[in-house]
């Protein structure tokens, strides 16, 4: 661990600006820096931001799991097989050509292409 005196001027400036910016969110930082020093202020900041970090990690894991589930679902869907995908794509293009409406073709025929593993 490095001491405050061992830091370069740029590092001291970055730490100071960080403490000032966070001081706007938590004014008690100024009192901690005054009485305990920069080390006590950093220790307090770790405790102060721990709930936000846990919340962020939880939502990151939930998002990561949802993306993994989407990838697995897409890999095991019937659309991943070339024959099924080709047949459905030809059907959607034919529906577009016959109706002449992109909205009609996409709203009625594309859900079957995208969610066909739920239907089978």
C-alpha atoms as a PDB file:
ATOM      1  CA  UNK A   1       0.000   0.000   0.000  1.00  0.00           C
ATOM      2  CA  UNK A   2       1.356   3.417  -0.908  1.00  0.00           C
ATOM      3  CA  UNK A   3       1.392   6.351   1.445  1.00  0.00           C
ATOM      4  CA  UNK A   4      -0.179   9.670   0.566  1.00  0.00           C
ATOM      5  CA  UNK A   5       3.266  11.296   0.511  1.00  0.00           C
ATOM      6  CA  UNK A   6       4.518   8.740  -2.054  1.00  0.00           C
ATOM      7  CA  UNK A   7       1.856   9.611  -4.630  1.00  0.00           C
ATOM      8  CA  UNK A   8       2.716  11.843  -7.570  1.00  0.00           C
ATOM      9  CA  UNK A   9       1.127  15.248  -7.980  1.00  0.00           C
ATOM     10  CA  UNK A  10      -1.204  13.954 -10.696  1.00  0.00           C
ATOM     11  CA  UNK A  11      -2.344  11.057  -8.496  1.00  0.00           C
ATOM     12  CA  UNK A  12      -2.921  13.383  -5.539  1.00  0.00           C
ATOM     13  CA  UNK A  13      -4.903  15.713  -7.790  1.00  0.00           C
ATOM     14  CA  UNK A  14      -7.061  12.836  -9.102  1.00  0.00           C
ATOM     15  CA  UNK A  15      -7.753  11.560  -5.572  1.00  0.00           C
ATOM     16  CA  UNK A  16      -8.532  15.068  -4.336  1.00  0.00           C
ATOM     17  CA  UNK A  17     -10.933  15.767  -7.180  1.00  0.00           C
ATOM     18  CA  UNK A  18     -12.596  12.395  -6.614  1.00  0.00           C
ATOM     19  CA  UNK A  19     -13.063  13.173  -2.921  1.00  0.00           C
ATOM     20  CA  UNK A  20     -14.461  16.617  -3.777  1.00  0.00           C
ATOM     21  CA  UNK A  21     -16.898  15.156  -6.314  1.00  0.00           C
ATOM     22  CA  UNK A  22     -18.083  12.507  -3.885  1.00  0.00           C
ATOM     23  CA  UNK A  23     -18.226  15.115  -1.133  1.00  0.00           C
ATOM     24  CA  UNK A  24     -21.189  16.633  -2.928  1.00  0.00           C
ATOM     25  CA  UNK A  25     -23.083  13.368  -2.485  1.00  0.00           C
ATOM     26  CA  UNK A  26     -21.871  12.695   1.061  1.00  0.00           C
ATOM     27  CA  UNK A  27     -20.922  15.905   2.933  1.00  0.00           C
ATOM     28  CA  UNK A  28     -19.704  13.936   5.961  1.00  0.00           C
ATOM     29  CA  UNK A  29     -16.586  13.123   3.909  1.00  0.00           C
ATOM     30  CA  UNK A  30     -15.193  16.576   4.733  1.00  0.00           C
ATOM     31  CA  UNK A  31     -15.372  15.858   8.458  1.00  0.00           C
ATOM     32  CA  UNK A  32     -13.770  12.441   7.985  1.00  0.00           C
ATOM     33  CA  UNK A  33     -10.914  13.922   5.955  1.00  0.00           C
ATOM     34  CA  UNK A  34     -10.409  16.618   8.597  1.00  0.00           C
ATOM     35  CA  UNK A  35     -10.349  14.262  11.596  1.00  0.00           C
ATOM     36  CA  UNK A  36      -9.192  10.931  10.217  1.00  0.00           C
ATOM     37  CA  UNK A  37      -7.318  11.691   7.035  1.00  0.00           C
ATOM     38  CA  UNK A  38      -7.644  10.493   3.487  1.00  0.00           C
ATOM     39  CA  UNK A  39      -7.417   6.806   4.488  1.00  0.00           C
ATOM     40  CA  UNK A  40     -10.466   7.055   6.741  1.00  0.00           C
ATOM     41  CA  UNK A  41     -12.353   8.884   3.988  1.00  0.00           C
ATOM     42  CA  UNK A  42     -11.596   6.087   1.506  1.00  0.00           C
ATOM     43  CA  UNK A  43     -12.643   3.425   4.007  1.00  0.00           C
ATOM     44  CA  UNK A  44     -15.920   5.286   4.544  1.00  0.00           C
ATOM     45  CA  UNK A  45     -16.470   5.562   0.793  1.00  0.00           C
ATOM     46  CA  UNK A  46     -16.088   1.804   0.435  1.00  0.00           C
ATOM     47  CA  UNK A  47     -18.788   1.257   3.048  1.00  0.00           C
ATOM     48  CA  UNK A  48     -20.908   4.062   1.601  1.00  0.00           C
ATOM     49  CA  UNK A  49     -20.948   2.662  -1.943  1.00  0.00           C
ATOM     50  CA  UNK A  50     -21.112  -1.051  -1.053  1.00  0.00           C
ATOM     51  CA  UNK A  51     -24.948  -1.300  -1.441  1.00  0.00           C
ATOM     52  CA  UNK A  52     -24.768   0.390  -4.850  1.00  0.00           C
ATOM     53  CA  UNK A  53     -22.002  -1.983  -5.915  1.00  0.00           C
ATOM     54  CA  UNK A  54     -23.987  -5.030  -4.776  1.00  0.00           C
ATOM     55  CA  UNK A  55     -27.074  -3.757  -6.641  1.00  0.00           C
ATOM     56  CA  UNK A  56     -25.007  -3.176  -9.775  1.00  0.00           C
ATOM     57  CA  UNK A  57     -23.420  -6.637  -9.577  1.00  0.00           C
ATOM     58  CA  UNK A  58     -26.851  -8.241  -9.157  1.00  0.00           C
ATOM     59  CA  UNK A  59     -28.295  -6.515 -12.208  1.00  0.00           C
ATOM     60  CA  UNK A  60     -25.176  -7.330 -14.211  1.00  0.00           C
ATOM     61  CA  UNK A  61     -25.604 -11.033 -13.358  1.00  0.00           C
ATOM     62  CA  UNK A  62     -29.327 -10.925 -14.210  1.00  0.00           C
ATOM     63  CA  UNK A  63     -28.574  -9.315 -17.576  1.00  0.00           C
ATOM     64  CA  UNK A  64     -25.780 -11.785 -18.256  1.00  0.00           C
ATOM     65  CA  UNK A  65     -28.085 -14.728 -17.454  1.00  0.00           C
ATOM     66  CA  UNK A  66     -30.840 -13.327 -19.684  1.00  0.00           C
ATOM     67  CA  UNK A  67     -28.428 -12.947 -22.592  1.00  0.00           C
ATOM     68  CA  UNK A  68     -27.078 -16.475 -22.064  1.00  0.00           C
ATOM     69  CA  UNK A  69     -30.648 -17.818 -22.038  1.00  0.00           C
ATOM     70  CA  UNK A  70     -31.438 -15.939 -25.255  1.00  0.00           C
ATOM     71  CA  UNK A  71     -28.349 -17.382 -26.957  1.00  0.00           C
ATOM     72  CA  UNK A  72     -29.180 -20.941 -25.854  1.00  0.00           C
ATOM     73  CA  UNK A  73     -32.800 -20.523 -26.945  1.00  0.00           C
ATOM     74  CA  UNK A  74     -31.740 -19.233 -30.346  1.00  0.00           C
ATOM     75  CA  UNK A  75     -29.251 -22.075 -30.824  1.00  0.00           C
ATOM     76  CA  UNK A  76     -31.851 -24.743 -30.019  1.00  0.00           C
ATOM     77  CA  UNK A  77     -34.725 -23.164 -31.913  1.00  0.00           C
ATOM     78  CA  UNK A  78     -36.075 -24.577 -35.113  1.00  0.00           C
ATOM     79  CA  UNK A  79     -34.978 -21.410 -36.918  1.00  0.00           C
ATOM     80  CA  UNK A  80     -31.371 -22.436 -36.389  1.00  0.00           C
ATOM     81  CA  UNK A  81     -31.902 -25.319 -38.806  1.00  0.00           C
ATOM     82  CA  UNK A  82     -31.353 -24.138 -42.391  1.00  0.00           C
ATOM     83  CA  UNK A  83     -34.324 -26.002 -43.900  1.00  0.00           C
ATOM     84  CA  UNK A  84     -36.820 -24.555 -41.412  1.00  0.00           C
ATOM     85  CA  UNK A  85     -35.343 -21.063 -41.628  1.00  0.00           C
ATOM     86  CA  UNK A  86     -35.375 -21.137 -45.421  1.00  0.00           C
ATOM     87  CA  UNK A  87     -39.001 -22.286 -45.533  1.00  0.00           C
ATOM     88  CA  UNK A  88     -40.149 -19.626 -43.083  1.00  0.00           C
ATOM     89  CA  UNK A  89     -38.135 -16.885 -44.767  1.00  0.00           C
ATOM     90  CA  UNK A  90     -39.625 -17.774 -48.162  1.00  0.00           C
ATOM     91  CA  UNK A  91     -43.102 -17.731 -46.608  1.00  0.00           C
ATOM     92  CA  UNK A  92     -42.500 -14.266 -45.080  1.00  0.00           C
ATOM     93  CA  UNK A  93     -41.121 -12.862 -48.322  1.00  0.00           C
ATOM     94  CA  UNK A  94     -44.071 -14.327 -50.235  1.00  0.00           C
ATOM     95  CA  UNK A  95     -46.482 -12.753 -47.739  1.00  0.00           C
ATOM     96  CA  UNK A  96     -44.747  -9.419 -48.231  1.00  0.00           C
ATOM     97  CA  UNK A  97     -44.918  -9.731 -52.012  1.00  0.00           C
ATOM     98  CA  UNK A  98     -48.602 -10.685 -51.989  1.00  0.00           C
ATOM     99  CA  UNK A  99     -49.766  -8.071 -49.501  1.00  0.00           C
ATOM    100  CA  UNK A 100     -47.331  -5.298 -50.398  1.00  0.00           C
ATOM    101  CA  UNK A 101     -47.333  -4.188 -46.790  1.00  0.00           C
ATOM    102  CA  UNK A 102     -44.257  -4.426 -44.612  1.00  0.00           C
ATOM    103  CA  UNK A 103     -46.343  -3.832 -41.482  1.00  0.00           C
ATOM    104  CA  UNK A 104     -48.751  -6.651 -42.331  1.00  0.00           C
ATOM    105  CA  UNK A 105     -46.000  -9.126 -43.179  1.00  0.00           C
ATOM    106  CA  UNK A 106     -43.896  -8.339 -40.114  1.00  0.00           C
ATOM    107  CA  UNK A 107     -46.749  -8.145 -37.627  1.00  0.00           C
ATOM    108  CA  UNK A 108     -48.350 -11.442 -38.626  1.00  0.00           C
ATOM    109  CA  UNK A 109     -45.582 -13.608 -40.060  1.00  0.00           C
ATOM    110  CA  UNK A 110     -42.339 -12.561 -38.351  1.00  0.00           C
ATOM    111  CA  UNK A 111     -43.421 -13.652 -34.829  1.00  0.00           C
ATOM    112  CA  UNK A 112     -43.788 -17.159 -36.213  1.00  0.00           C
ATOM    113  CA  UNK A 113     -40.254 -16.929 -37.545  1.00  0.00           C
ATOM    114  CA  UNK A 114     -38.809 -15.542 -34.335  1.00  0.00           C
ATOM    115  CA  UNK A 115     -40.735 -17.596 -31.772  1.00  0.00           C
ATOM    116  CA  UNK A 116     -41.272 -20.847 -33.615  1.00  0.00           C
ATOM    117  CA  UNK A 117     -39.585 -22.937 -30.912  1.00  0.00           C
ATOM    118  CA  UNK A 118     -42.373 -21.903 -28.527  1.00  0.00           C
ATOM    119  CA  UNK A 119     -44.999 -23.074 -30.992  1.00  0.00           C
ATOM    120  CA  UNK A 120     -43.447 -26.478 -31.780  1.00  0.00           C
END
